[in-house]
């Protein structure tokens, strides 16, 4: 599975307002090349807004997002799609496509607007990229299935293959394990961890974040609450403050990672 060399993703003073609502407020972060960063926080914290802004789908009210120093909002959609792949929570289409055709859509940014004569080297590269993505996402057996017949979990894996054939330097994942059974949740994140792509993944499952992420970012009320290595950020006080849940954080008995034990609910915050 080949990919564009991982790039540094940086956001500086990112602010997003919609009407009177501030969805992101002054977010500044650096996502290291080739690292997996978990994007955490309760519903409404700003996770999806941050991902969509970095993907170029939302223009920030202030601040900027940079790929190796280049403001991504100055790039054309085609150039941006060669660098950034975004896998959204709910992917759907009304078109009568097979899973294979959905995967192949990921090659669109690398193809010219007009048909050109076949080039043996380019054709071989494209076939190799497609085969690698299909194998990595474990969807070979789904390729001839019509898209509407796929389950939610199967669609997630097909969408991962579609993202990978873009050969991105940055992979943005919004709740990527949603709809997946436990085996495919673990397999999905094992696959992503082995890619070496700069990855930002919004996750609700703190155990998965602890097991697979190099570092985590915690958002709360549209602001940056914490950022750093998993073991330094996923602490009992932080989880209690952000999620209103009483937990005990221990070392996993078999892996050198935090393990989170839920004890009960705390009173919900009434003010930010």
C-alpha atoms as a PDB file:
ATOM      1  CA  UNK A   1       0.000   0.000   0.000  1.00  0.00           C
ATOM      2  CA  UNK A   2       1.735   3.169  -1.181  1.00  0.00           C
ATOM      3  CA  UNK A   3       0.906   6.645   0.069  1.00  0.00           C
ATOM      4  CA  UNK A   4       2.009  10.235  -0.158  1.00  0.00           C
ATOM      5  CA  UNK A   5       4.720  10.883   2.463  1.00  0.00           C
ATOM      6  CA  UNK A   6       3.017  11.967   5.691  1.00  0.00           C
ATOM      7  CA  UNK A   7       2.816  15.714   6.163  1.00  0.00           C
ATOM      8  CA  UNK A   8       2.641  17.987   9.172  1.00  0.00           C
ATOM      9  CA  UNK A   9      -0.859  19.264   9.803  1.00  0.00           C
ATOM     10  CA  UNK A  10      -1.081  22.483  11.802  1.00  0.00           C
ATOM     11  CA  UNK A  11      -4.003  24.668  12.807  1.00  0.00           C
ATOM     12  CA  UNK A  12      -3.430  28.203  14.044  1.00  0.00           C
ATOM     13  CA  UNK A  13      -6.036  30.236  15.902  1.00  0.00           C
ATOM     14  CA  UNK A  14      -8.876  28.377  14.215  1.00  0.00           C
ATOM     15  CA  UNK A  15     -12.297  29.901  14.860  1.00  0.00           C
ATOM     16  CA  UNK A  16     -15.602  28.897  13.274  1.00  0.00           C
ATOM     17  CA  UNK A  17     -18.801  30.852  13.856  1.00  0.00           C
ATOM     18  CA  UNK A  18     -22.227  30.103  12.415  1.00  0.00           C
ATOM     19  CA  UNK A  19     -24.607  32.955  13.140  1.00  0.00           C
ATOM     20  CA  UNK A  20     -24.353  33.704  16.847  1.00  0.00           C
ATOM     21  CA  UNK A  21     -22.871  30.277  17.667  1.00  0.00           C
ATOM     22  CA  UNK A  22     -19.124  29.768  18.058  1.00  0.00           C
ATOM     23  CA  UNK A  23     -18.355  26.163  17.096  1.00  0.00           C
ATOM     24  CA  UNK A  24     -14.573  26.430  17.400  1.00  0.00           C
ATOM     25  CA  UNK A  25     -12.779  29.098  19.390  1.00  0.00           C
ATOM     26  CA  UNK A  26      -9.071  29.742  18.879  1.00  0.00           C
ATOM     27  CA  UNK A  27      -7.825  26.190  18.276  1.00  0.00           C
ATOM     28  CA  UNK A  28      -4.054  25.913  17.736  1.00  0.00           C
ATOM     29  CA  UNK A  29      -2.511  22.453  17.321  1.00  0.00           C
ATOM     30  CA  UNK A  30       0.242  20.563  15.543  1.00  0.00           C
ATOM     31  CA  UNK A  31      -0.416  17.008  14.343  1.00  0.00           C
ATOM     32  CA  UNK A  32       2.917  15.260  13.866  1.00  0.00           C
ATOM     33  CA  UNK A  33       3.762  13.544  10.577  1.00  0.00           C
ATOM     34  CA  UNK A  34       2.813   9.875  10.559  1.00  0.00           C
ATOM     35  CA  UNK A  35       1.187   9.954  14.006  1.00  0.00           C
ATOM     36  CA  UNK A  36      -2.349   8.987  14.987  1.00  0.00           C
ATOM     37  CA  UNK A  37      -4.153  11.613  17.021  1.00  0.00           C
ATOM     38  CA  UNK A  38      -7.444  10.837  18.705  1.00  0.00           C
ATOM     39  CA  UNK A  39      -9.925  13.706  18.694  1.00  0.00           C
ATOM     40  CA  UNK A  40     -12.021  13.395  21.849  1.00  0.00           C
ATOM     41  CA  UNK A  41     -14.825  15.242  23.575  1.00  0.00           C
ATOM     42  CA  UNK A  42     -18.548  14.991  24.251  1.00  0.00           C
ATOM     43  CA  UNK A  43     -21.245  15.562  21.668  1.00  0.00           C
ATOM     44  CA  UNK A  44     -21.156  19.164  20.460  1.00  0.00           C
ATOM     45  CA  UNK A  45     -17.535  19.729  21.513  1.00  0.00           C
ATOM     46  CA  UNK A  46     -16.479  20.650  17.954  1.00  0.00           C
ATOM     47  CA  UNK A  47     -14.815  17.460  16.732  1.00  0.00           C
ATOM     48  CA  UNK A  48     -16.659  17.155  13.421  1.00  0.00           C
ATOM     49  CA  UNK A  49     -16.421  20.900  12.806  1.00  0.00           C
ATOM     50  CA  UNK A  50     -12.649  20.736  13.236  1.00  0.00           C
ATOM     51  CA  UNK A  51     -12.351  17.785  10.854  1.00  0.00           C
ATOM     52  CA  UNK A  52     -14.585  19.399   8.233  1.00  0.00           C
ATOM     53  CA  UNK A  53     -12.621  22.634   8.465  1.00  0.00           C
ATOM     54  CA  UNK A  54      -9.297  20.865   8.000  1.00  0.00           C
ATOM     55  CA  UNK A  55     -10.828  18.899   5.109  1.00  0.00           C
ATOM     56  CA  UNK A  56     -11.658  22.205   3.403  1.00  0.00           C
ATOM     57  CA  UNK A  57     -15.430  21.762   3.651  1.00  0.00           C
ATOM     58  CA  UNK A  58     -15.841  24.667   6.099  1.00  0.00           C
ATOM     59  CA  UNK A  59     -14.015  27.967   5.710  1.00  0.00           C
ATOM     60  CA  UNK A  60     -12.890  29.253   9.118  1.00  0.00           C
ATOM     61  CA  UNK A  61     -14.049  32.603  10.427  1.00  0.00           C
ATOM     62  CA  UNK A  62     -10.489  33.219  11.595  1.00  0.00           C
ATOM     63  CA  UNK A  63      -7.202  31.348  11.671  1.00  0.00           C
ATOM     64  CA  UNK A  64      -5.939  28.799   9.195  1.00  0.00           C
ATOM     65  CA  UNK A  65      -5.047  25.151   8.657  1.00  0.00           C
ATOM     66  CA  UNK A  66      -1.657  24.371   7.148  1.00  0.00           C
ATOM     67  CA  UNK A  67      -0.291  21.320   5.348  1.00  0.00           C
ATOM     68  CA  UNK A  68       3.496  21.471   5.506  1.00  0.00           C
ATOM     69  CA  UNK A  69       3.172  25.239   5.752  1.00  0.00           C
ATOM     70  CA  UNK A  70       0.642  25.716   2.936  1.00  0.00           C
ATOM     71  CA  UNK A  71      -2.780  27.118   3.808  1.00  0.00           C
ATOM     72  CA  UNK A  72      -5.081  24.333   2.650  1.00  0.00           C
ATOM     73  CA  UNK A  73      -7.878  26.781   1.865  1.00  0.00           C
ATOM     74  CA  UNK A  74      -5.678  28.293  -0.855  1.00  0.00           C
ATOM     75  CA  UNK A  75      -5.475  24.920  -2.637  1.00  0.00           C
ATOM     76  CA  UNK A  76      -7.901  23.829  -5.328  1.00  0.00           C
ATOM     77  CA  UNK A  77     -10.279  21.044  -4.321  1.00  0.00           C
ATOM     78  CA  UNK A  78      -8.371  18.621  -6.573  1.00  0.00           C
ATOM     79  CA  UNK A  79      -4.971  19.452  -5.075  1.00  0.00           C
ATOM     80  CA  UNK A  80      -6.384  19.292  -1.560  1.00  0.00           C
ATOM     81  CA  UNK A  81      -7.927  15.873  -2.253  1.00  0.00           C
ATOM     82  CA  UNK A  82      -4.512  14.573  -3.306  1.00  0.00           C
ATOM     83  CA  UNK A  83      -3.233  15.371   0.155  1.00  0.00           C
ATOM     84  CA  UNK A  84      -6.225  14.999   2.481  1.00  0.00           C
ATOM     85  CA  UNK A  85      -8.749  12.155   2.622  1.00  0.00           C
ATOM     86  CA  UNK A  86     -11.830  12.621   4.792  1.00  0.00           C
ATOM     87  CA  UNK A  87     -13.997   9.717   5.868  1.00  0.00           C
ATOM     88  CA  UNK A  88     -17.265  11.092   7.245  1.00  0.00           C
ATOM     89  CA  UNK A  89     -19.593   9.461   9.754  1.00  0.00           C
ATOM     90  CA  UNK A  90     -22.440   8.847   7.333  1.00  0.00           C
ATOM     91  CA  UNK A  91     -21.500   8.139   3.733  1.00  0.00           C
ATOM     92  CA  UNK A  92     -24.378   7.576   1.366  1.00  0.00           C
ATOM     93  CA  UNK A  93     -25.203   7.802  -2.296  1.00  0.00           C
ATOM     94  CA  UNK A  94     -28.377   7.419  -4.302  1.00  0.00           C
ATOM     95  CA  UNK A  95     -26.436   6.458  -7.394  1.00  0.00           C
ATOM     96  CA  UNK A  96     -26.639   2.804  -8.510  1.00  0.00           C
ATOM     97  CA  UNK A  97     -22.988   2.050  -7.736  1.00  0.00           C
ATOM     98  CA  UNK A  98     -21.187  -1.096  -6.734  1.00  0.00           C
ATOM     99  CA  UNK A  99     -18.704  -1.106  -3.875  1.00  0.00           C
ATOM    100  CA  UNK A 100     -15.908  -1.325  -6.470  1.00  0.00           C
ATOM    101  CA  UNK A 101     -17.106   1.876  -8.139  1.00  0.00           C
ATOM    102  CA  UNK A 102     -17.303   3.655  -4.788  1.00  0.00           C
ATOM    103  CA  UNK A 103     -13.695   2.691  -4.044  1.00  0.00           C
ATOM    104  CA  UNK A 104     -12.562   3.830  -7.498  1.00  0.00           C
ATOM    105  CA  UNK A 105     -14.063   7.270  -6.917  1.00  0.00           C
ATOM    106  CA  UNK A 106     -11.108   7.883  -4.637  1.00  0.00           C
ATOM    107  CA  UNK A 107      -8.836   8.002  -7.687  1.00  0.00           C
ATOM    108  CA  UNK A 108     -10.703  10.985  -9.144  1.00  0.00           C
ATOM    109  CA  UNK A 109      -8.223  13.634  -7.866  1.00  0.00           C
ATOM    110  CA  UNK A 110      -5.369  11.797  -9.625  1.00  0.00           C
ATOM    111  CA  UNK A 111      -7.115  11.527 -12.980  1.00  0.00           C
ATOM    112  CA  UNK A 112      -7.245  14.300 -15.549  1.00  0.00           C
ATOM    113  CA  UNK A 113     -10.468  16.003 -16.483  1.00  0.00           C
ATOM    114  CA  UNK A 114     -10.285  14.531 -19.980  1.00  0.00           C
ATOM    115  CA  UNK A 115      -9.484  10.939 -21.020  1.00  0.00           C
ATOM    116  CA  UNK A 116      -5.876  10.392 -22.069  1.00  0.00           C
ATOM    117  CA  UNK A 117      -4.190   7.476 -23.834  1.00  0.00           C
ATOM    118  CA  UNK A 118      -3.333   4.599 -21.519  1.00  0.00           C
ATOM    119  CA  UNK A 119       0.114   4.676 -19.956  1.00  0.00           C
ATOM    120  CA  UNK A 120       1.421   1.283 -18.895  1.00  0.00           C
ATOM    121  CA  UNK A 121       3.314   2.570 -15.854  1.00  0.00           C
ATOM    122  CA  UNK A 122       0.426   4.736 -14.660  1.00  0.00           C
ATOM    123  CA  UNK A 123      -2.043   1.914 -15.221  1.00  0.00           C
ATOM    124  CA  UNK A 124       0.117  -0.497 -13.227  1.00  0.00           C
ATOM    125  CA  UNK A 125       0.454   2.028 -10.396  1.00  0.00           C
ATOM    126  CA  UNK A 126      -3.292   2.598 -10.248  1.00  0.00           C
ATOM    127  CA  UNK A 127      -4.012  -1.119 -10.144  1.00  0.00           C
ATOM    128  CA  UNK A 128      -1.442  -1.539  -7.381  1.00  0.00           C
ATOM    129  CA  UNK A 129      -2.946   1.284  -5.324  1.00  0.00           C
ATOM    130  CA  UNK A 130      -6.457  -0.097  -5.720  1.00  0.00           C
ATOM    131  CA  UNK A 131      -5.374  -3.620  -4.811  1.00  0.00           C
ATOM    132  CA  UNK A 132      -3.483  -2.386  -1.751  1.00  0.00           C
ATOM    133  CA  UNK A 133      -6.411  -0.327  -0.490  1.00  0.00           C
ATOM    134  CA  UNK A 134      -8.867  -3.179  -1.008  1.00  0.00           C
ATOM    135  CA  UNK A 135      -6.602  -5.570   0.879  1.00  0.00           C
ATOM    136  CA  UNK A 136      -5.936  -3.102   3.711  1.00  0.00           C
ATOM    137  CA  UNK A 137      -9.652  -2.457   4.235  1.00  0.00           C
ATOM    138  CA  UNK A 138     -10.555  -6.156   3.778  1.00  0.00           C
ATOM    139  CA  UNK A 139     -13.301  -5.487   1.230  1.00  0.00           C
ATOM    140  CA  UNK A 140     -12.350  -7.727  -1.730  1.00  0.00           C
ATOM    141  CA  UNK A 141     -15.411  -9.893  -1.141  1.00  0.00           C
ATOM    142  CA  UNK A 142     -17.689  -6.842  -1.231  1.00  0.00           C
ATOM    143  CA  UNK A 143     -16.559  -5.236  -4.489  1.00  0.00           C
ATOM    144  CA  UNK A 144     -19.323  -6.565  -6.712  1.00  0.00           C
ATOM    145  CA  UNK A 145     -22.091  -5.844  -4.215  1.00  0.00           C
ATOM    146  CA  UNK A 146     -24.477  -2.935  -4.902  1.00  0.00           C
ATOM    147  CA  UNK A 147     -23.849  -0.122  -2.412  1.00  0.00           C
ATOM    148  CA  UNK A 148     -27.433  -0.118  -1.007  1.00  0.00           C
ATOM    149  CA  UNK A 149     -27.092  -3.785   0.008  1.00  0.00           C
ATOM    150  CA  UNK A 150     -24.099  -3.155   2.277  1.00  0.00           C
ATOM    151  CA  UNK A 151     -24.452  -2.927   6.033  1.00  0.00           C
ATOM    152  CA  UNK A 152     -23.254   0.128   7.908  1.00  0.00           C
ATOM    153  CA  UNK A 153     -20.033  -1.607   8.914  1.00  0.00           C
ATOM    154  CA  UNK A 154     -19.369  -2.820   5.377  1.00  0.00           C
ATOM    155  CA  UNK A 155     -19.859   0.710   4.082  1.00  0.00           C
ATOM    156  CA  UNK A 156     -17.347   2.009   6.626  1.00  0.00           C
ATOM    157  CA  UNK A 157     -14.705  -0.386   5.348  1.00  0.00           C
ATOM    158  CA  UNK A 158     -15.447   0.413   1.692  1.00  0.00           C
ATOM    159  CA  UNK A 159     -15.128   4.104   2.538  1.00  0.00           C
ATOM    160  CA  UNK A 160     -11.733   3.437   4.132  1.00  0.00           C
ATOM    161  CA  UNK A 161     -10.597   1.792   0.899  1.00  0.00           C
ATOM    162  CA  UNK A 162     -11.900   4.786  -1.037  1.00  0.00           C
ATOM    163  CA  UNK A 163      -9.915   7.136   1.236  1.00  0.00           C
ATOM    164  CA  UNK A 164      -6.743   5.087   0.893  1.00  0.00           C
ATOM    165  CA  UNK A 165      -6.772   5.077  -2.914  1.00  0.00           C
ATOM    166  CA  UNK A 166      -6.441   8.854  -2.747  1.00  0.00           C
ATOM    167  CA  UNK A 167      -2.873   8.172  -1.505  1.00  0.00           C
ATOM    168  CA  UNK A 168      -3.280  10.882   1.130  1.00  0.00           C
ATOM    169  CA  UNK A 169      -0.659  12.400   3.376  1.00  0.00           C
ATOM    170  CA  UNK A 170      -3.393  13.187   5.915  1.00  0.00           C
ATOM    171  CA  UNK A 171      -6.287  10.908   6.825  1.00  0.00           C
ATOM    172  CA  UNK A 172      -9.270  12.420   8.663  1.00  0.00           C
ATOM    173  CA  UNK A 173     -11.707   9.971  10.258  1.00  0.00           C
ATOM    174  CA  UNK A 174     -15.012  10.971  11.845  1.00  0.00           C
ATOM    175  CA  UNK A 175     -16.209   8.179  14.142  1.00  0.00           C
ATOM    176  CA  UNK A 176     -14.602   5.516  11.894  1.00  0.00           C
ATOM    177  CA  UNK A 177     -15.524   2.590  14.146  1.00  0.00           C
ATOM    178  CA  UNK A 178     -19.211   3.500  14.182  1.00  0.00           C
ATOM    179  CA  UNK A 179     -21.286   0.528  12.906  1.00  0.00           C
ATOM    180  CA  UNK A 180     -18.327  -1.889  13.167  1.00  0.00           C
ATOM    181  CA  UNK A 181     -18.406  -5.009  15.329  1.00  0.00           C
ATOM    182  CA  UNK A 182     -15.630  -5.432  17.884  1.00  0.00           C
ATOM    183  CA  UNK A 183     -13.335  -7.487  15.635  1.00  0.00           C
ATOM    184  CA  UNK A 184     -13.614  -5.003  12.786  1.00  0.00           C
ATOM    185  CA  UNK A 185     -13.160  -2.052  15.147  1.00  0.00           C
ATOM    186  CA  UNK A 186      -9.823  -3.480  16.246  1.00  0.00           C
ATOM    187  CA  UNK A 187      -8.892  -4.574  12.731  1.00  0.00           C
ATOM    188  CA  UNK A 188      -9.764  -1.155  11.308  1.00  0.00           C
ATOM    189  CA  UNK A 189      -7.555   0.703  13.782  1.00  0.00           C
ATOM    190  CA  UNK A 190      -4.748  -1.846  13.441  1.00  0.00           C
ATOM    191  CA  UNK A 191      -4.849  -1.162   9.697  1.00  0.00           C
ATOM    192  CA  UNK A 192      -4.790   2.600  10.161  1.00  0.00           C
ATOM    193  CA  UNK A 193      -1.933   2.377  12.658  1.00  0.00           C
ATOM    194  CA  UNK A 194       0.134   0.431  10.140  1.00  0.00           C
ATOM    195  CA  UNK A 195      -0.280   2.954   7.323  1.00  0.00           C
ATOM    196  CA  UNK A 196       2.171   5.583   8.538  1.00  0.00           C
ATOM    197  CA  UNK A 197      -0.235   8.358   7.470  1.00  0.00           C
ATOM    198  CA  UNK A 198      -0.773  11.484   9.548  1.00  0.00           C
ATOM    199  CA  UNK A 199      -4.194  10.602  10.979  1.00  0.00           C
ATOM    200  CA  UNK A 200      -6.750  12.500  13.034  1.00  0.00           C
ATOM    201  CA  UNK A 201      -9.648  10.341  14.232  1.00  0.00           C
ATOM    202  CA  UNK A 202     -12.689  11.570  16.142  1.00  0.00           C
ATOM    203  CA  UNK A 203     -13.543   8.810  18.605  1.00  0.00           C
ATOM    204  CA  UNK A 204     -16.104   8.323  21.353  1.00  0.00           C
ATOM    205  CA  UNK A 205     -14.569   5.098  22.674  1.00  0.00           C
ATOM    206  CA  UNK A 206     -11.808   6.159  25.068  1.00  0.00           C
ATOM    207  CA  UNK A 207     -10.491   2.598  25.342  1.00  0.00           C
ATOM    208  CA  UNK A 208      -9.881   2.496  21.589  1.00  0.00           C
ATOM    209  CA  UNK A 209      -8.220   5.902  21.737  1.00  0.00           C
ATOM    210  CA  UNK A 210      -5.985   4.714  24.571  1.00  0.00           C
ATOM    211  CA  UNK A 211      -5.057   1.541  22.707  1.00  0.00           C
ATOM    212  CA  UNK A 212      -4.317   2.923  19.235  1.00  0.00           C
ATOM    213  CA  UNK A 213      -3.520   6.639  19.369  1.00  0.00           C
ATOM    214  CA  UNK A 214      -0.088   8.201  19.795  1.00  0.00           C
ATOM    215  CA  UNK A 215      -1.629  11.313  21.300  1.00  0.00           C
ATOM    216  CA  UNK A 216      -5.057  12.762  21.953  1.00  0.00           C
ATOM    217  CA  UNK A 217      -6.739  16.125  21.640  1.00  0.00           C
ATOM    218  CA  UNK A 218      -9.676  16.864  23.941  1.00  0.00           C
ATOM    219  CA  UNK A 219     -12.197  19.517  22.919  1.00  0.00           C
ATOM    220  CA  UNK A 220     -14.821  20.990  25.210  1.00  0.00           C
ATOM    221  CA  UNK A 221     -17.360  23.628  24.210  1.00  0.00           C
ATOM    222  CA  UNK A 222     -15.422  24.373  21.023  1.00  0.00           C
ATOM    223  CA  UNK A 223     -12.171  25.044  22.871  1.00  0.00           C
ATOM    224  CA  UNK A 224      -8.983  23.068  23.323  1.00  0.00           C
ATOM    225  CA  UNK A 225      -9.122  21.458  26.775  1.00  0.00           C
ATOM    226  CA  UNK A 226      -6.066  19.176  26.611  1.00  0.00           C
ATOM    227  CA  UNK A 227      -3.517  17.844  24.127  1.00  0.00           C
ATOM    228  CA  UNK A 228      -0.644  15.444  24.549  1.00  0.00           C
ATOM    229  CA  UNK A 229       0.435  11.800  24.889  1.00  0.00           C
ATOM    230  CA  UNK A 230      -2.376   9.404  25.739  1.00  0.00           C
ATOM    231  CA  UNK A 231      -1.114   8.541  29.219  1.00  0.00           C
ATOM    232  CA  UNK A 232      -0.740  12.214  30.171  1.00  0.00           C
ATOM    233  CA  UNK A 233      -4.168  13.325  28.940  1.00  0.00           C
ATOM    234  CA  UNK A 234      -6.492  10.397  29.657  1.00  0.00           C
ATOM    235  CA  UNK A 235      -6.526  10.858  33.427  1.00  0.00           C
ATOM    236  CA  UNK A 236      -9.396  10.481  35.875  1.00  0.00           C
ATOM    237  CA  UNK A 237      -9.698  14.257  36.541  1.00  0.00           C
ATOM    238  CA  UNK A 238      -9.744  15.114  32.828  1.00  0.00           C
ATOM    239  CA  UNK A 239     -12.356  12.482  31.996  1.00  0.00           C
ATOM    240  CA  UNK A 240     -14.487  13.564  34.956  1.00  0.00           C
ATOM    241  CA  UNK A 241     -14.346  17.220  33.910  1.00  0.00           C
ATOM    242  CA  UNK A 242     -15.065  16.596  30.230  1.00  0.00           C
ATOM    243  CA  UNK A 243     -17.536  13.709  30.325  1.00  0.00           C
ATOM    244  CA  UNK A 244     -19.106  14.004  33.803  1.00  0.00           C
ATOM    245  CA  UNK A 245     -18.198  10.379  34.498  1.00  0.00           C
ATOM    246  CA  UNK A 246     -16.343   8.930  37.477  1.00  0.00           C
ATOM    247  CA  UNK A 247     -13.551   6.627  36.251  1.00  0.00           C
ATOM    248  CA  UNK A 248     -10.432   4.909  37.471  1.00  0.00           C
ATOM    249  CA  UNK A 249      -7.520   4.936  35.012  1.00  0.00           C
ATOM    250  CA  UNK A 250      -5.124   2.001  35.389  1.00  0.00           C
ATOM    251  CA  UNK A 251      -2.363   0.451  33.344  1.00  0.00           C
ATOM    252  CA  UNK A 252      -3.612  -2.271  31.037  1.00  0.00           C
ATOM    253  CA  UNK A 253      -2.601  -5.685  32.460  1.00  0.00           C
ATOM    254  CA  UNK A 254      -1.078  -6.846  29.146  1.00  0.00           C
ATOM    255  CA  UNK A 255      -0.238  -3.655  27.241  1.00  0.00           C
ATOM    256  CA  UNK A 256       1.605  -0.532  28.359  1.00  0.00           C
ATOM    257  CA  UNK A 257      -1.465   1.628  27.791  1.00  0.00           C
ATOM    258  CA  UNK A 258      -4.093   3.241  30.019  1.00  0.00           C
ATOM    259  CA  UNK A 259      -7.151   1.159  30.846  1.00  0.00           C
ATOM    260  CA  UNK A 260     -10.322   2.988  31.877  1.00  0.00           C
ATOM    261  CA  UNK A 261     -12.747   1.510  34.407  1.00  0.00           C
ATOM    262  CA  UNK A 262     -16.145   3.192  34.632  1.00  0.00           C
ATOM    263  CA  UNK A 263     -17.454   3.741  38.169  1.00  0.00           C
ATOM    264  CA  UNK A 264     -20.581   5.825  37.622  1.00  0.00           C
ATOM    265  CA  UNK A 265     -22.073   9.101  36.475  1.00  0.00           C
ATOM    266  CA  UNK A 266     -21.289  12.497  37.945  1.00  0.00           C
ATOM    267  CA  UNK A 267     -23.675  15.476  37.960  1.00  0.00           C
ATOM    268  CA  UNK A 268     -23.714  17.134  34.555  1.00  0.00           C
ATOM    269  CA  UNK A 269     -22.084  20.531  34.128  1.00  0.00           C
ATOM    270  CA  UNK A 270     -24.589  23.351  33.949  1.00  0.00           C
ATOM    271  CA  UNK A 271     -22.105  25.996  32.767  1.00  0.00           C
ATOM    272  CA  UNK A 272     -19.122  25.845  30.372  1.00  0.00           C
END
